[in-house]
N, C-alpha and C. Protein backbone atom coordinates (compact mmCIF):
# COMPACT_ATOMS: atom_id res chain seq x y z
N MET A 1 39.40 -16.79 -2.84
CA MET A 1 39.44 -15.59 -3.67
C MET A 1 40.81 -15.52 -4.34
N HIS A 2 40.82 -15.15 -5.60
CA HIS A 2 42.04 -15.00 -6.36
C HIS A 2 42.63 -13.61 -6.12
N LEU A 3 43.87 -13.56 -5.63
CA LEU A 3 44.53 -12.29 -5.37
C LEU A 3 44.96 -11.66 -6.68
N LYS A 4 44.56 -10.43 -6.89
CA LYS A 4 44.91 -9.70 -8.11
C LYS A 4 46.05 -8.74 -7.82
N LYS A 5 47.01 -8.70 -8.75
CA LYS A 5 48.12 -7.76 -8.66
C LYS A 5 48.34 -7.14 -10.03
N ALA A 6 48.96 -5.99 -10.04
CA ALA A 6 49.33 -5.33 -11.29
C ALA A 6 50.66 -4.63 -11.05
N THR A 7 51.41 -4.43 -12.10
CA THR A 7 52.68 -3.73 -12.01
C THR A 7 52.63 -2.51 -12.91
N ILE A 8 52.99 -1.36 -12.35
CA ILE A 8 53.09 -0.12 -13.11
C ILE A 8 54.57 0.11 -13.39
N HIS A 9 54.90 0.32 -14.66
CA HIS A 9 56.27 0.59 -15.07
C HIS A 9 56.42 2.09 -15.29
N THR A 10 57.34 2.72 -14.56
CA THR A 10 57.57 4.16 -14.68
C THR A 10 59.03 4.43 -14.98
N SER A 11 59.34 5.67 -15.28
CA SER A 11 60.74 6.06 -15.51
C SER A 11 61.53 6.05 -14.20
N PHE A 12 60.86 5.91 -13.07
CA PHE A 12 61.51 5.83 -11.77
C PHE A 12 61.59 4.40 -11.25
N GLY A 13 61.08 3.46 -12.01
CA GLY A 13 61.07 2.06 -11.60
C GLY A 13 59.66 1.49 -11.61
N GLN A 14 59.52 0.32 -11.02
CA GLN A 14 58.24 -0.38 -11.00
C GLN A 14 57.54 -0.22 -9.66
N MET A 15 56.21 -0.26 -9.72
CA MET A 15 55.38 -0.33 -8.53
C MET A 15 54.45 -1.52 -8.70
N THR A 16 54.41 -2.38 -7.71
CA THR A 16 53.49 -3.50 -7.75
C THR A 16 52.27 -3.17 -6.90
N LEU A 17 51.11 -3.30 -7.49
CA LEU A 17 49.85 -2.99 -6.82
C LEU A 17 49.16 -4.28 -6.41
N ARG A 18 48.62 -4.31 -5.22
CA ARG A 18 47.82 -5.43 -4.75
C ARG A 18 46.42 -4.90 -4.49
N PHE A 19 45.43 -5.62 -4.92
CA PHE A 19 44.05 -5.15 -4.84
C PHE A 19 43.27 -5.91 -3.77
N PHE A 20 42.24 -5.25 -3.25
CA PHE A 20 41.37 -5.83 -2.24
C PHE A 20 39.93 -5.82 -2.77
N PRO A 21 39.59 -6.77 -3.65
CA PRO A 21 38.25 -6.77 -4.24
C PRO A 21 37.12 -6.96 -3.23
N GLU A 22 37.43 -7.54 -2.08
CA GLU A 22 36.40 -7.68 -1.05
C GLU A 22 36.08 -6.35 -0.39
N LYS A 23 36.96 -5.37 -0.52
CA LYS A 23 36.75 -4.03 0.07
C LYS A 23 36.17 -3.04 -0.93
N ALA A 24 36.54 -3.15 -2.19
CA ALA A 24 36.09 -2.20 -3.21
C ALA A 24 35.93 -2.93 -4.55
N PRO A 25 34.95 -3.81 -4.65
CA PRO A 25 34.83 -4.67 -5.84
C PRO A 25 34.66 -3.92 -7.15
N GLN A 26 33.87 -2.85 -7.16
CA GLN A 26 33.65 -2.12 -8.41
C GLN A 26 34.91 -1.36 -8.85
N HIS A 27 35.62 -0.77 -7.91
CA HIS A 27 36.83 -0.02 -8.24
C HIS A 27 37.95 -0.94 -8.70
N VAL A 28 38.09 -2.10 -8.06
CA VAL A 28 39.11 -3.05 -8.49
C VAL A 28 38.80 -3.55 -9.88
N ALA A 29 37.56 -3.96 -10.12
CA ALA A 29 37.17 -4.46 -11.44
C ALA A 29 37.37 -3.38 -12.50
N ASN A 30 37.02 -2.14 -12.20
CA ASN A 30 37.17 -1.04 -13.14
C ASN A 30 38.64 -0.81 -13.49
N PHE A 31 39.50 -0.74 -12.46
CA PHE A 31 40.92 -0.50 -12.70
C PHE A 31 41.51 -1.62 -13.55
N LEU A 32 41.24 -2.87 -13.18
CA LEU A 32 41.80 -3.99 -13.92
C LEU A 32 41.29 -4.04 -15.36
N ASP A 33 40.03 -3.75 -15.57
CA ASP A 33 39.47 -3.73 -16.93
C ASP A 33 40.14 -2.64 -17.76
N LEU A 34 40.24 -1.44 -17.22
CA LEU A 34 40.88 -0.35 -17.97
C LEU A 34 42.35 -0.65 -18.25
N ALA A 35 43.04 -1.24 -17.28
CA ALA A 35 44.45 -1.60 -17.48
C ALA A 35 44.58 -2.64 -18.60
N GLU A 36 43.72 -3.64 -18.59
CA GLU A 36 43.78 -4.68 -19.62
C GLU A 36 43.47 -4.11 -21.00
N ARG A 37 42.65 -3.07 -21.07
CA ARG A 37 42.31 -2.43 -22.35
C ARG A 37 43.36 -1.42 -22.80
N GLY A 38 44.38 -1.15 -21.93
CA GLY A 38 45.44 -0.22 -22.29
C GLY A 38 45.14 1.23 -22.00
N PHE A 39 44.07 1.50 -21.25
CA PHE A 39 43.69 2.89 -20.96
C PHE A 39 44.82 3.68 -20.31
N TYR A 40 45.55 3.07 -19.38
CA TYR A 40 46.57 3.78 -18.63
C TYR A 40 47.92 3.86 -19.35
N ASP A 41 48.08 3.11 -20.43
CA ASP A 41 49.37 3.07 -21.14
C ASP A 41 49.79 4.46 -21.59
N GLY A 42 50.97 4.87 -21.19
CA GLY A 42 51.52 6.16 -21.60
C GLY A 42 51.05 7.35 -20.80
N LEU A 43 50.13 7.16 -19.86
CA LEU A 43 49.67 8.29 -19.05
C LEU A 43 50.73 8.64 -18.00
N THR A 44 50.67 9.87 -17.53
CA THR A 44 51.65 10.35 -16.56
C THR A 44 51.01 10.48 -15.18
N PHE A 45 51.86 10.66 -14.19
CA PHE A 45 51.39 11.08 -12.87
C PHE A 45 51.36 12.60 -12.94
N HIS A 46 50.17 13.15 -13.02
CA HIS A 46 50.02 14.59 -13.26
C HIS A 46 50.09 15.42 -11.98
N ARG A 47 49.99 14.78 -10.85
CA ARG A 47 50.05 15.50 -9.57
C ARG A 47 51.00 14.75 -8.65
N ILE A 48 52.05 15.41 -8.21
CA ILE A 48 53.03 14.81 -7.32
C ILE A 48 53.24 15.74 -6.14
N ILE A 49 52.94 15.25 -4.96
CA ILE A 49 53.17 16.01 -3.74
C ILE A 49 54.19 15.21 -2.94
N ASN A 50 55.42 15.69 -2.94
CA ASN A 50 56.53 14.98 -2.32
C ASN A 50 56.22 14.61 -0.87
N GLY A 51 56.43 13.35 -0.55
CA GLY A 51 56.18 12.88 0.81
C GLY A 51 54.73 12.60 1.12
N PHE A 52 53.83 12.80 0.15
CA PHE A 52 52.41 12.62 0.42
C PHE A 52 51.75 11.66 -0.57
N MET A 53 51.75 12.02 -1.86
CA MET A 53 51.04 11.16 -2.81
C MET A 53 51.40 11.52 -4.24
N ILE A 54 51.05 10.59 -5.14
CA ILE A 54 51.09 10.84 -6.58
C ILE A 54 49.71 10.51 -7.13
N GLN A 55 49.32 11.22 -8.18
CA GLN A 55 48.01 11.00 -8.76
C GLN A 55 48.17 10.87 -10.27
N GLY A 56 47.51 9.86 -10.82
CA GLY A 56 47.59 9.63 -12.26
C GLY A 56 46.26 9.11 -12.79
N GLY A 57 46.27 8.77 -14.06
CA GLY A 57 45.07 8.21 -14.68
C GLY A 57 44.26 9.20 -15.47
N CYS A 58 44.70 10.46 -15.55
CA CYS A 58 43.97 11.47 -16.31
C CYS A 58 44.33 11.33 -17.78
N PRO A 59 43.34 11.13 -18.66
CA PRO A 59 43.66 10.98 -20.08
C PRO A 59 44.22 12.26 -20.71
N ARG A 60 43.99 13.41 -20.09
CA ARG A 60 44.55 14.67 -20.61
C ARG A 60 45.93 14.96 -20.04
N GLY A 61 46.30 14.27 -18.98
CA GLY A 61 47.61 14.44 -18.38
C GLY A 61 47.76 15.64 -17.46
N ASN A 62 46.63 16.30 -17.14
CA ASN A 62 46.73 17.49 -16.29
C ASN A 62 45.70 17.51 -15.15
N GLY A 63 44.96 16.44 -14.99
CA GLY A 63 43.97 16.36 -13.91
C GLY A 63 42.59 16.87 -14.27
N THR A 64 42.39 17.31 -15.51
CA THR A 64 41.09 17.86 -15.89
C THR A 64 40.22 16.90 -16.68
N GLY A 65 40.76 15.75 -17.03
CA GLY A 65 40.01 14.79 -17.83
C GLY A 65 39.45 13.66 -17.00
N ASN A 66 38.23 13.26 -17.26
CA ASN A 66 37.62 12.14 -16.56
C ASN A 66 37.95 10.84 -17.26
N GLY A 67 37.94 9.77 -16.49
CA GLY A 67 38.05 8.45 -17.08
C GLY A 67 36.73 8.10 -17.75
N PRO A 68 36.67 6.94 -18.36
CA PRO A 68 35.46 6.58 -19.11
C PRO A 68 34.26 6.19 -18.26
N ARG A 69 34.44 6.03 -16.95
CA ARG A 69 33.33 5.61 -16.09
C ARG A 69 33.30 6.43 -14.80
N ARG A 70 32.11 6.57 -14.24
CA ARG A 70 31.93 7.21 -12.93
C ARG A 70 31.38 6.13 -12.00
N LEU A 71 32.04 5.93 -10.87
CA LEU A 71 31.65 4.89 -9.93
C LEU A 71 31.22 5.50 -8.61
N ARG A 72 30.32 4.82 -7.94
CA ARG A 72 29.95 5.23 -6.58
C ARG A 72 31.12 4.96 -5.65
N ALA A 73 31.25 5.76 -4.62
CA ALA A 73 32.32 5.57 -3.63
C ALA A 73 32.16 4.22 -2.94
N GLU A 74 33.28 3.59 -2.67
CA GLU A 74 33.29 2.33 -1.92
C GLU A 74 34.22 2.54 -0.71
N PHE A 75 33.70 3.23 0.30
CA PHE A 75 34.48 3.49 1.50
C PHE A 75 34.71 2.18 2.24
N ASN A 76 35.88 2.07 2.90
CA ASN A 76 36.18 0.86 3.64
C ASN A 76 37.11 1.19 4.81
N ASP A 77 37.55 0.16 5.49
CA ASP A 77 38.35 0.36 6.70
C ASP A 77 39.86 0.31 6.48
N ILE A 78 40.32 0.30 5.24
CA ILE A 78 41.76 0.31 4.98
C ILE A 78 42.25 1.75 5.14
N PRO A 79 43.20 1.98 6.05
CA PRO A 79 43.67 3.36 6.27
C PRO A 79 44.47 3.89 5.09
N HIS A 80 44.36 5.18 4.85
CA HIS A 80 45.16 5.84 3.82
C HIS A 80 46.54 6.11 4.42
N GLU A 81 47.48 5.24 4.11
CA GLU A 81 48.85 5.38 4.58
C GLU A 81 49.80 5.07 3.43
N ALA A 82 51.08 5.25 3.66
CA ALA A 82 52.07 5.04 2.61
C ALA A 82 51.87 3.68 1.94
N GLY A 83 51.83 3.71 0.62
CA GLY A 83 51.70 2.49 -0.16
C GLY A 83 50.29 2.10 -0.52
N VAL A 84 49.29 2.80 -0.02
CA VAL A 84 47.90 2.43 -0.29
C VAL A 84 47.44 3.13 -1.57
N LEU A 85 46.83 2.36 -2.45
CA LEU A 85 46.28 2.86 -3.70
C LEU A 85 44.82 3.25 -3.45
N SER A 86 44.46 4.46 -3.81
CA SER A 86 43.09 4.94 -3.63
C SER A 86 42.61 5.56 -4.93
N MET A 87 41.30 5.65 -5.04
CA MET A 87 40.69 6.30 -6.20
C MET A 87 40.28 7.71 -5.81
N ALA A 88 40.60 8.66 -6.66
CA ALA A 88 40.15 10.04 -6.43
C ALA A 88 38.68 10.11 -6.74
N ARG A 89 38.01 11.09 -6.16
CA ARG A 89 36.60 11.27 -6.47
C ARG A 89 36.27 12.75 -6.60
N ALA A 90 35.31 13.03 -7.44
CA ALA A 90 34.87 14.39 -7.66
C ALA A 90 33.82 14.74 -6.62
N ALA A 91 33.67 16.01 -6.36
CA ALA A 91 32.69 16.48 -5.38
C ALA A 91 31.28 16.21 -5.84
């Protein structure tokens, strides 16, 4: 399997993302496709909870806009801990 990585450039520095396509194949493919198309370029982290998480990817920049696709949840055994990238989901 080819390991996929991406780098996010922010005003606070860079973040390198590593993906686990064997755990969430649709979400990894979706993120990489949107990144390659420039969807995330210029977007902000609209939700920041110090010591907990940051959330981004909203085309409106305020958390009220949906991305171009809706995906089924891909739950897996990777724990949500510092440094883990997760996808938000609507109720």
